Amino acid sequence: MYFVVFLPMLLVALAALAFNIWMLVDALGRSEDDFSSPGSRAWWIGGLAVGMLTSPIGLIVAIAYYAVVRGPATRRGRA
């Protein structure tokens, strides 16, 4: 019975961690021009890196990064 409850929570936590890592790798590879201001790239990278240690906050930061930086850059053709 314990495994039935534990497995879905583990899968959700691993998916959140994978998404956070994906956004961190994307931020590390993205040029400074894709960010809103010159110093914001370092803040996003720092927030994503620290967010990996705190899963709920890290997931919020990763979703915000996706919506604010990656989404608009992808629509401009800078995948």
C-alpha atoms as a PDB file:
ATOM      1  CA  MET A   1       0.000   0.000   0.000  1.00  0.00           C
ATOM      2  CA  TYR A   2       2.820   2.381   0.831  1.00  0.00           C
ATOM      3  CA  PHE A   3       4.328   1.920  -2.639  1.00  0.00           C
ATOM      4  CA  VAL A   4       1.061   2.939  -4.337  1.00  0.00           C
ATOM      5  CA  VAL A   5       1.234   6.354  -2.660  1.00  0.00           C
ATOM      6  CA  PHE A   6       5.006   6.792  -2.808  1.00  0.00           C
ATOM      7  CA  LEU A   7       5.561   6.008  -6.512  1.00  0.00           C
ATOM      8  CA  PRO A   8       3.395   8.826  -7.976  1.00  0.00           C
ATOM      9  CA  MET A   9       4.956  11.382  -5.635  1.00  0.00           C
ATOM     10  CA  LEU A  10       8.434  10.180  -6.601  1.00  0.00           C
ATOM     11  CA  LEU A  11       7.615  10.442 -10.305  1.00  0.00           C
ATOM     12  CA  VAL A  12       6.272  13.981  -9.907  1.00  0.00           C
ATOM     13  CA  ALA A  13       9.358  15.032  -7.937  1.00  0.00           C
ATOM     14  CA  LEU A  14      11.700  13.541 -10.564  1.00  0.00           C
ATOM     15  CA  ALA A  15       9.775  15.246 -13.377  1.00  0.00           C
ATOM     16  CA  ALA A  16      10.035  18.594 -11.569  1.00  0.00           C
ATOM     17  CA  LEU A  17      13.775  18.094 -11.075  1.00  0.00           C
ATOM     18  CA  ALA A  18      14.243  17.155 -14.739  1.00  0.00           C
ATOM     19  CA  PHE A  19      12.328  20.259 -15.859  1.00  0.00           C
ATOM     20  CA  ASN A  20      14.443  22.444 -13.556  1.00  0.00           C
ATOM     21  CA  ILE A  21      17.668  20.944 -14.934  1.00  0.00           C
ATOM     22  CA  TRP A  22      16.413  21.450 -18.497  1.00  0.00           C
ATOM     23  CA  MET A  23      15.706  25.137 -17.819  1.00  0.00           C
ATOM     24  CA  LEU A  24      19.109  25.579 -16.109  1.00  0.00           C
ATOM     25  CA  VAL A  25      20.928  24.060 -19.102  1.00  0.00           C
ATOM     26  CA  ASP A  26      18.868  26.279 -21.416  1.00  0.00           C
ATOM     27  CA  ALA A  27      19.784  29.403 -19.404  1.00  0.00           C
ATOM     28  CA  LEU A  28      23.473  28.475 -19.421  1.00  0.00           C
ATOM     29  CA  GLY A  29      23.440  28.083 -23.210  1.00  0.00           C
ATOM     30  CA  ARG A  30      21.339  31.124 -24.036  1.00  0.00           C
ATOM     31  CA  SER A  31      22.948  34.420 -25.029  1.00  0.00           C
ATOM     32  CA  GLU A  32      22.587  37.596 -22.965  1.00  0.00           C
ATOM     33  CA  ASP A  33      20.426  39.141 -25.732  1.00  0.00           C
ATOM     34  CA  ASP A  34      17.518  36.809 -24.950  1.00  0.00           C
ATOM     35  CA  PHE A  35      17.133  38.157 -21.405  1.00  0.00           C
ATOM     36  CA  SER A  36      15.189  41.276 -20.452  1.00  0.00           C
ATOM     37  CA  SER A  37      18.120  43.211 -18.971  1.00  0.00           C
ATOM     38  CA  PRO A  38      21.898  42.824 -19.099  1.00  0.00           C
ATOM     39  CA  GLY A  39      22.327  41.393 -15.588  1.00  0.00           C
ATOM     40  CA  SER A  40      19.252  39.203 -15.477  1.00  0.00           C
ATOM     41  CA  ARG A  41      20.964  36.130 -16.974  1.00  0.00           C
ATOM     42  CA  ALA A  42      23.056  35.655 -13.834  1.00  0.00           C
ATOM     43  CA  TRP A  43      19.978  36.041 -11.610  1.00  0.00           C
ATOM     44  CA  TRP A  44      18.027  33.460 -13.604  1.00  0.00           C
ATOM     45  CA  ILE A  45      20.926  30.992 -13.486  1.00  0.00           C
ATOM     46  CA  GLY A  46      21.348  31.549  -9.749  1.00  0.00           C
ATOM     47  CA  GLY A  47      17.629  31.173  -9.112  1.00  0.00           C
ATOM     48  CA  LEU A  48      17.410  27.977 -11.128  1.00  0.00           C
ATOM     49  CA  ALA A  49      20.498  26.495  -9.463  1.00  0.00           C
ATOM     50  CA  VAL A  50      19.299  27.307  -5.939  1.00  0.00           C
ATOM     51  CA  GLY A  51      15.803  26.213  -6.890  1.00  0.00           C
ATOM     52  CA  MET A  52      16.994  22.683  -7.534  1.00  0.00           C
ATOM     53  CA  LEU A  53      17.648  22.400  -3.800  1.00  0.00           C
ATOM     54  CA  THR A  54      14.099  23.463  -2.908  1.00  0.00           C
ATOM     55  CA  SER A  55      11.762  21.567  -5.204  1.00  0.00           C
ATOM     56  CA  PRO A  56       8.515  23.577  -4.910  1.00  0.00           C
ATOM     57  CA  ILE A  57      10.218  26.962  -5.236  1.00  0.00           C
ATOM     58  CA  GLY A  58      12.542  25.622  -7.922  1.00  0.00           C
ATOM     59  CA  LEU A  59       9.606  24.445  -9.984  1.00  0.00           C
ATOM     60  CA  ILE A  60       7.997  27.881  -9.739  1.00  0.00           C
ATOM     61  CA  VAL A  61      11.254  29.547 -10.851  1.00  0.00           C
ATOM     62  CA  ALA A  62      11.639  27.081 -13.742  1.00  0.00           C
ATOM     63  CA  ILE A  63       8.069  27.689 -14.927  1.00  0.00           C
ATOM     64  CA  ALA A  64       8.604  31.460 -14.679  1.00  0.00           C
ATOM     65  CA  TYR A  65      11.848  31.155 -16.681  1.00  0.00           C
ATOM     66  CA  TYR A  66      10.031  29.131 -19.330  1.00  0.00           C
ATOM     67  CA  ALA A  67       7.268  31.734 -19.599  1.00  0.00           C
ATOM     68  CA  VAL A  68       9.431  34.872 -19.414  1.00  0.00           C
ATOM     69  CA  VAL A  69      12.639  33.926 -21.254  1.00  0.00           C
ATOM     70  CA  ARG A  70      12.472  30.655 -23.171  1.00  0.00           C
ATOM     71  CA  GLY A  71       8.968  31.006 -24.595  1.00  0.00           C
ATOM     72  CA  PRO A  72       9.439  34.461 -26.146  1.00  0.00           C
ATOM     73  CA  ALA A  73      12.936  33.579 -27.405  1.00  0.00           C
ATOM     74  CA  THR A  74      11.588  30.438 -29.074  1.00  0.00           C
ATOM     75  CA  ARG A  75       8.810  32.422 -30.740  1.00  0.00           C
ATOM     76  CA  ARG A  76      11.444  34.842 -32.086  1.00  0.00           C
ATOM     77  CA  GLY A  77      13.250  31.875 -33.626  1.00  0.00           C
ATOM     78  CA  ARG A  78      16.127  31.662 -31.145  1.00  0.00           C
ATOM     79  CA  ALA A  79      15.545  28.115 -29.966  1.00  0.00           C
END
